[in-house]
C-alpha atoms as a PDB file:
ATOM      1  CA  MET A   1      13.964 -34.051 151.052  1.00  0.00           C
ATOM      2  CA  ILE A   2      13.907 -37.587 149.662  1.00  0.00           C
ATOM      3  CA  LYS A   3      14.137 -39.107 153.155  1.00  0.00           C
ATOM      4  CA  LYS A   4      10.932 -37.465 154.386  1.00  0.00           C
ATOM      5  CA  SER A   5       8.204 -39.429 152.658  1.00  0.00           C
ATOM      6  CA  PRO A   6       7.568 -41.896 149.843  1.00  0.00           C
ATOM      7  CA  TRP A   7       4.719 -39.615 148.726  1.00  0.00           C
ATOM      8  CA  GLN A   8       7.176 -36.827 148.064  1.00  0.00           C
ATOM      9  CA  ILE A   9       9.304 -39.200 146.001  1.00  0.00           C
ATOM     10  CA  LEU A  10       6.222 -40.260 144.061  1.00  0.00           C
ATOM     11  CA  LEU A  11       5.187 -36.630 143.529  1.00  0.00           C
ATOM     12  CA  LEU A  12       8.693 -35.748 142.285  1.00  0.00           C
ATOM     13  CA  ALA A  13       8.612 -38.691 139.880  1.00  0.00           C
ATOM     14  CA  VAL A  14       5.207 -37.585 138.531  1.00  0.00           C
ATOM     15  CA  VAL A  15       6.447 -34.001 138.060  1.00  0.00           C
ATOM     16  CA  ILE A  16       9.545 -35.239 136.201  1.00  0.00           C
ATOM     17  CA  LEU A  17       7.322 -37.495 134.060  1.00  0.00           C
ATOM     18  CA  VAL A  18       4.912 -34.650 133.185  1.00  0.00           C
ATOM     19  CA  VAL A  19       7.760 -32.263 132.340  1.00  0.00           C
ATOM     20  CA  GLY A  20       9.439 -34.919 130.195  1.00  0.00           C
ATOM     21  CA  GLN A  21       6.212 -35.719 128.360  1.00  0.00           C
ATOM     22  CA  SER A  22       5.524 -32.014 127.812  1.00  0.00           C
ATOM     23  CA  LEU A  23       8.976 -31.562 126.270  1.00  0.00           C
ATOM     24  CA  LEU A  24       8.480 -34.573 124.008  1.00  0.00           C
ATOM     25  CA  VAL A  25       5.040 -33.355 122.887  1.00  0.00           C
ATOM     26  CA  TRP A  26       6.428 -29.863 122.166  1.00  0.00           C
ATOM     27  CA  GLN A  27       9.328 -31.267 120.153  1.00  0.00           C
ATOM     28  CA  TYR A  28       7.037 -33.638 118.236  1.00  0.00           C
ATOM     29  CA  ARG A  29       4.671 -30.790 117.290  1.00  0.00           C
ATOM     30  CA  ARG A  30       7.583 -28.603 116.188  1.00  0.00           C
ATOM     31  CA  LEU A  31       9.040 -31.367 114.030  1.00  0.00           C
ATOM     32  CA  GLU A  32       5.613 -32.253 112.622  1.00  0.00           C
ATOM     33  CA  GLY A  33       5.002 -28.574 111.764  1.00  0.00           C
ATOM     34  CA  GLU A  34       8.274 -28.424 109.837  1.00  0.00           C
ATOM     35  CA  ARG A  35       7.402 -31.649 108.070  1.00  0.00           C
ATOM     36  CA  MET A  36       3.962 -30.332 107.120  1.00  0.00           C
ATOM     37  CA  ARG A  37       5.469 -27.142 105.666  1.00  0.00           C
ATOM     38  CA  GLU A  38       7.901 -29.244 103.646  1.00  0.00           C
ATOM     39  CA  LEU A  39       5.088 -31.483 102.377  1.00  0.00           C
ATOM     40  CA  GLU A  40       2.984 -28.453 101.451  1.00  0.00           C
ATOM     41  CA  GLN A  41       5.914 -26.991  99.518  1.00  0.00           C
ATOM     42  CA  ARG A  42       6.431 -30.278  97.672  1.00  0.00           C
ATOM     43  CA  GLN A  43       2.743 -30.471  96.849  1.00  0.00           C
ATOM     44  CA  ALA A  44       2.761 -26.907  95.494  1.00  0.00           C
ATOM     45  CA  THR A  45       5.802 -27.723  93.343  1.00  0.00           C
ATOM     46  CA  VAL A  46       4.181 -30.893  91.981  1.00  0.00           C
ATOM     47  CA  GLU A  47       0.949 -29.033  91.217  1.00  0.00           C
ATOM     48  CA  GLN A  48       2.910 -26.299  89.408  1.00  0.00           C
ATOM     49  CA  GLN A  49       4.750 -28.913  87.334  1.00  0.00           C
ATOM     50  CA  MET A  50       1.473 -30.620  86.470  1.00  0.00           C
ATOM     51  CA  GLU A  51      -0.014 -27.289  85.350  1.00  0.00           C
ATOM     52  CA  GLU A  52       3.042 -26.567  83.190  1.00  0.00           C
ATOM     53  CA  ARG A  53       2.862 -30.019  81.613  1.00  0.00           C
ATOM     54  CA  ALA A  54      -0.855 -29.631  80.906  1.00  0.00           C
ATOM     55  CA  ALA A  55      -0.306 -26.232  79.266  1.00  0.00           C
ATOM     56  CA  GLN A  56       2.674 -27.493  77.288  1.00  0.00           C
ATOM     57  CA  GLY A  57       0.715 -30.571  76.194  1.00  0.00           C
ATOM     58  CA  ALA A  58      -2.130 -28.428  74.858  1.00  0.00           C
ATOM     59  CA  LEU A  59       0.400 -26.219  73.074  1.00  0.00           C
ATOM     60  CA  ARG A  60       2.080 -29.242  71.474  1.00  0.00           C
ATOM     61  CA  GLU A  61      -1.275 -30.587  70.276  1.00  0.00           C
ATOM     62  CA  PHE A  62      -2.115 -27.193  68.786  1.00  0.00           C
ATOM     63  CA  LEU A  63       1.279 -26.890  67.088  1.00  0.00           C
ATOM     64  CA  GLU A  64       1.131 -30.461  65.759  1.00  0.00           C
ATOM     65  CA  ALA A  65      -2.273 -29.680  64.231  1.00  0.00           C
ATOM     66  CA  ARG A  66      -0.743 -26.583  62.599  1.00  0.00           C
ATOM     67  CA  VAL A  67       2.138 -28.623  61.203  1.00  0.00           C
ATOM     68  CA  ALA A  68      -0.331 -31.203  59.869  1.00  0.00           C
ATOM     69  CA  GLY A  69      -2.498 -28.430  58.404  1.00  0.00           C
ATOM     70  CA  ASP A  70      -5.514 -29.802  60.269  1.00  0.00           C
ATOM     71  CA  GLU A  71      -7.670 -26.722  60.847  1.00  0.00           C
ATOM     72  CA  VAL A  72     -10.449 -28.632  62.598  1.00  0.00           C
ATOM     73  CA  ARG A  73      -8.077 -30.198  65.114  1.00  0.00           C
ATOM     74  CA  ALA A  74      -6.258 -26.898  65.682  1.00  0.00           C
ATOM     75  CA  SER A  75      -9.537 -25.093  66.342  1.00  0.00           C
ATOM     76  CA  ARG A  76     -10.222 -27.467  69.274  1.00  0.00           C
ATOM     77  CA  TYR A  77      -7.369 -25.850  71.165  1.00  0.00           C
ATOM     78  CA  ILE A  78      -8.178 -22.147  70.711  1.00  0.00           C
ATOM     79  CA  THR A  79     -10.379 -19.656  72.548  1.00  0.00           C
ATOM     80  CA  GLU A  80     -12.694 -17.123  70.955  1.00  0.00           C
ATOM     81  CA  GLN A  81      -9.957 -14.486  71.129  1.00  0.00           C
ATOM     82  CA  ALA A  82      -7.537 -16.680  69.174  1.00  0.00           C
ATOM     83  CA  ALA A  83     -10.312 -17.486  66.665  1.00  0.00           C
ATOM     84  CA  LEU A  84     -10.820 -13.731  66.174  1.00  0.00           C
ATOM     85  CA  GLN A  85      -7.098 -13.306  65.578  1.00  0.00           C
ATOM     86  CA  ARG A  86      -7.235 -16.067  62.994  1.00  0.00           C
ATOM     87  CA  GLN A  87     -10.199 -14.422  61.243  1.00  0.00           C
ATOM     88  CA  GLN A  88      -8.467 -11.037  61.230  1.00  0.00           C
ATOM     89  CA  ARG A  89      -5.285 -12.658  59.867  1.00  0.00           C
ATOM     90  CA  VAL A  90      -3.231 -11.190  62.723  1.00  0.00           C
ATOM     91  CA  SER A  91      -1.045 -14.260  62.440  1.00  0.00           C
ATOM     92  CA  GLU A  92      -0.895 -17.214  60.092  1.00  0.00           C
ATOM     93  CA  PHE A  93      -2.000 -20.414  61.719  1.00  0.00           C
ATOM     94  CA  PHE A  94      -0.968 -22.795  58.963  1.00  0.00           C
ATOM     95  CA  GLY A  95       1.952 -23.423  56.651  1.00  0.00           C
ATOM     96  CA  VAL A  96       4.148 -24.370  59.609  1.00  0.00           C
ATOM     97  CA  GLN A  97       6.763 -26.976  58.762  1.00  0.00           C
ATOM     98  CA  ASN A  98       8.417 -27.394  62.145  1.00  0.00           C
ATOM     99  CA  TYR A  99       8.455 -25.812  65.594  1.00  0.00           C
ATOM    100  CA  GLU A 100      10.541 -25.587  68.737  1.00  0.00           C
ATOM    101  CA  ILE A 101       9.289 -24.398  72.115  1.00  0.00           C
ATOM    102  CA  GLN A 102      12.019 -22.161  73.475  1.00  0.00           C
ATOM    103  CA  GLU A 103      10.753 -20.519  76.652  1.00  0.00           C
ATOM    104  CA  LYS A 104       7.807 -20.629  79.004  1.00  0.00           C
ATOM    105  CA  GLU A 105       6.614 -18.042  81.447  1.00  0.00           C
ATOM    106  CA  LYS A 106       3.838 -18.223  84.008  1.00  0.00           C
ATOM    107  CA  LEU A 107       1.818 -15.035  83.779  1.00  0.00           C
ATOM    108  CA  GLU A 108      -0.745 -15.591  86.520  1.00  0.00           C
ATOM    109  CA  GLU A 109      -2.799 -18.447  87.898  1.00  0.00           C
ATOM    110  CA  GLY A 110      -3.997 -20.533  84.956  1.00  0.00           C
ATOM    111  CA  SER A 111      -2.105 -18.598  82.288  1.00  0.00           C
ATOM    112  CA  PHE A 112       1.215 -19.263  80.522  1.00  0.00           C
ATOM    113  CA  ARG A 113       3.106 -17.603  77.685  1.00  0.00           C
ATOM    114  CA  PHE A 114       5.398 -19.641  75.451  1.00  0.00           C
ATOM    115  CA  ARG A 115       7.993 -18.412  73.011  1.00  0.00           C
ATOM    116  CA  VAL A 116       7.932 -20.714  69.982  1.00  0.00           C
ATOM    117  CA  GLU A 117      10.238 -20.729  66.974  1.00  0.00           C
ATOM    118  CA  LEU A 118       8.423 -21.834  63.806  1.00  0.00           C
ATOM    119  CA  MET A 119       9.791 -22.794  60.407  1.00  0.00           C
ATOM    120  CA  ARG A 120       7.567 -21.550  57.589  1.00  0.00           C
ATOM    121  CA  ASP A 121       8.779 -21.488  53.974  1.00  0.00           C
ATOM    122  CA  ARG A 122      12.325 -22.132  55.241  1.00  0.00           C
ATOM    123  CA  LEU A 123      12.173 -18.944  57.294  1.00  0.00           C
ATOM    124  CA  LYS A 124      12.221 -18.799  61.065  1.00  0.00           C
ATOM    125  CA  HIS A 125       9.430 -16.935  62.802  1.00  0.00           C
ATOM    126  CA  ILE A 126       9.083 -16.369  66.516  1.00  0.00           C
ATOM    127  CA  GLU A 127       5.610 -16.388  68.022  1.00  0.00           C
ATOM    128  CA  LEU A 128       4.432 -15.628  71.520  1.00  0.00           C
ATOM    129  CA  ILE A 129       1.589 -18.000  72.293  1.00  0.00           C
ATOM    130  CA  GLU A 130      -0.489 -17.436  75.412  1.00  0.00           C
ATOM    131  CA  LEU A 131      -2.465 -20.294  76.928  1.00  0.00           C
ATOM    132  CA  LEU A 132      -5.367 -19.869  79.309  1.00  0.00           C
ATOM    133  CA  LYS A 133      -6.897 -22.464  81.605  1.00  0.00           C
ATOM    134  CA  ILE A 134     -10.626 -22.839  81.151  1.00  0.00           C
ATOM    135  CA  GLY A 135     -12.166 -25.483  83.361  1.00  0.00           C
ATOM    136  CA  GLU A 136      -9.624 -28.279  83.587  1.00  0.00           C
ATOM    137  CA  ASN A 137      -7.971 -27.737  80.184  1.00  0.00           C
ATOM    138  CA  TYR A 138      -5.643 -25.205  78.605  1.00  0.00           C
ATOM    139  CA  TYR A 139      -6.468 -23.397  75.376  1.00  0.00           C
ATOM    140  CA  VAL A 140      -4.526 -21.077  73.088  1.00  0.00           C
ATOM    141  CA  ASN A 141      -5.788 -17.595  73.866  1.00  0.00           C
ATOM    142  CA  SER A 142      -3.412 -15.473  71.810  1.00  0.00           C
ATOM    143  CA  VAL A 143      -0.863 -15.943  69.014  1.00  0.00           C
ATOM    144  CA  GLN A 144       1.399 -12.971  68.266  1.00  0.00           C
ATOM    145  CA  LEU A 145       4.486 -12.570  66.151  1.00  0.00           C
ATOM    146  CA  ALA A 146       7.418 -11.497  68.301  1.00  0.00           C
ATOM    147  CA  GLY A 147       9.043  -8.208  67.536  1.00  0.00           C
END
């Protein structure tokens, strides 16, 4: 077959070249697809961590204001629902001496629940504090005594 014509040899070389390039393009796209999935997963993880840090930061600011007894500063971090709870004396917002954030749980998109141990009058109290994302910031939406 090779002895017949140089055109046939050239045609065979072109076919081999096209098949080789096709295989390389297929493999490149497959590898790039895997890489893109991995990058998307990393991005989702980083975004989740940033959301958790933002929620935890707002919670810390709120709790620090409670420890300091600064009602004005604490009210910057609460929603209307939490303000209603405070008015109805569902939970005490002040008199906190110390706190420790024990657990966090993501409820849904833009919402977290934290389990916080508070020291008040040398007694430990456990509160479940729910934070809600409004706009770009997190706010305390609910404060409930555990149990």
